[in-house]
Amino acid sequence: MRCNATSLNCVEVMVDGDGNRVVRNSQRPDQTVTFSRGEWSAFEDSVRDGQTF
């Protein structure tokens, strides 16, 4: 979980039963985005390589 220090607006990530990552904003818990293991791994690799978004 990653939160803004001045509010309770958090990005939350969970792993589902298939190993996918499910991401949501704590202010909108009914809206989620799901990433496959491969997609999440590619994201992590790009962050480690210093790519900015």
C-alpha atoms as a PDB file:
ATOM      1  CA  MET A   1       0.000   0.000   0.000  1.00  0.00           C
ATOM      2  CA  ARG A   2       1.197   3.520  -0.775  1.00  0.00           C
ATOM      3  CA  CYS A   3      -0.537   6.493   0.860  1.00  0.00           C
ATOM      4  CA  ASN A   4      -0.365  10.243   0.592  1.00  0.00           C
ATOM      5  CA  ALA A   5       0.986  11.543   3.918  1.00  0.00           C
ATOM      6  CA  THR A   6      -1.662  14.259   4.180  1.00  0.00           C
ATOM      7  CA  SER A   7      -4.723  12.190   3.279  1.00  0.00           C
ATOM      8  CA  LEU A   8      -6.008   8.657   3.312  1.00  0.00           C
ATOM      9  CA  ASN A   9      -5.818   8.391  -0.472  1.00  0.00           C
ATOM     10  CA  CYS A  10      -3.944   5.101  -0.942  1.00  0.00           C
ATOM     11  CA  VAL A  11      -2.980   2.825  -3.795  1.00  0.00           C
ATOM     12  CA  GLU A  12      -3.603  -0.748  -2.700  1.00  0.00           C
ATOM     13  CA  VAL A  13      -2.278  -3.899  -4.373  1.00  0.00           C
ATOM     14  CA  MET A  14      -3.308  -7.477  -3.654  1.00  0.00           C
ATOM     15  CA  VAL A  15      -2.457 -10.825  -5.200  1.00  0.00           C
ATOM     16  CA  ASP A  16      -5.454 -12.912  -6.248  1.00  0.00           C
ATOM     17  CA  GLY A  17      -5.663 -16.700  -6.304  1.00  0.00           C
ATOM     18  CA  ASP A  18      -4.134 -16.878  -9.783  1.00  0.00           C
ATOM     19  CA  GLY A  19      -1.134 -14.689  -8.910  1.00  0.00           C
ATOM     20  CA  ASN A  20      -2.508 -11.627 -10.694  1.00  0.00           C
ATOM     21  CA  ARG A  21      -2.094  -8.194  -9.088  1.00  0.00           C
ATOM     22  CA  VAL A  22      -5.307  -6.308  -8.386  1.00  0.00           C
ATOM     23  CA  VAL A  23      -4.815  -2.559  -7.883  1.00  0.00           C
ATOM     24  CA  ARG A  24      -7.288  -0.040  -6.519  1.00  0.00           C
ATOM     25  CA  ASN A  25      -7.493   3.467  -5.121  1.00  0.00           C
ATOM     26  CA  SER A  26      -8.756   3.435  -1.526  1.00  0.00           C
ATOM     27  CA  GLN A  27     -11.078   6.321  -2.398  1.00  0.00           C
ATOM     28  CA  ARG A  28     -12.746   4.156  -5.082  1.00  0.00           C
ATOM     29  CA  PRO A  29     -12.604   0.599  -3.716  1.00  0.00           C
ATOM     30  CA  ASP A  30     -15.231  -0.650  -6.172  1.00  0.00           C
ATOM     31  CA  GLN A  31     -12.971   0.134  -9.166  1.00  0.00           C
ATOM     32  CA  THR A  32      -9.998  -2.164  -9.746  1.00  0.00           C
ATOM     33  CA  VAL A  33      -7.422  -2.846 -12.433  1.00  0.00           C
ATOM     34  CA  THR A  34      -5.971  -6.356 -12.768  1.00  0.00           C
ATOM     35  CA  PHE A  35      -2.494  -7.121 -14.105  1.00  0.00           C
ATOM     36  CA  SER A  36      -1.235 -10.577 -15.031  1.00  0.00           C
ATOM     37  CA  ARG A  37       1.971 -11.898 -13.461  1.00  0.00           C
ATOM     38  CA  GLY A  38       3.853 -11.061 -16.667  1.00  0.00           C
ATOM     39  CA  GLU A  39       2.483  -7.529 -16.864  1.00  0.00           C
ATOM     40  CA  TRP A  40       3.338  -6.855 -13.225  1.00  0.00           C
ATOM     41  CA  SER A  41       6.815  -8.304 -13.647  1.00  0.00           C
ATOM     42  CA  ALA A  42       7.444  -6.054 -16.674  1.00  0.00           C
ATOM     43  CA  PHE A  43       6.274  -3.054 -14.635  1.00  0.00           C
ATOM     44  CA  GLU A  44       8.623  -3.934 -11.763  1.00  0.00           C
ATOM     45  CA  ASP A  45      11.536  -4.410 -14.159  1.00  0.00           C
ATOM     46  CA  SER A  46      10.942  -1.006 -15.750  1.00  0.00           C
ATOM     47  CA  VAL A  47      10.857   0.678 -12.324  1.00  0.00           C
ATOM     48  CA  ARG A  48      14.091  -1.043 -11.340  1.00  0.00           C
ATOM     49  CA  ASP A  49      15.633   0.184 -14.603  1.00  0.00           C
ATOM     50  CA  GLY A  50      14.718   3.757 -13.689  1.00  0.00           C
ATOM     51  CA  GLN A  51      11.889   4.318 -16.131  1.00  0.00           C
ATOM     52  CA  THR A  52       9.553   7.063 -14.953  1.00  0.00           C
ATOM     53  CA  PHE A  53       5.838   7.211 -15.551  1.00  0.00           C
END
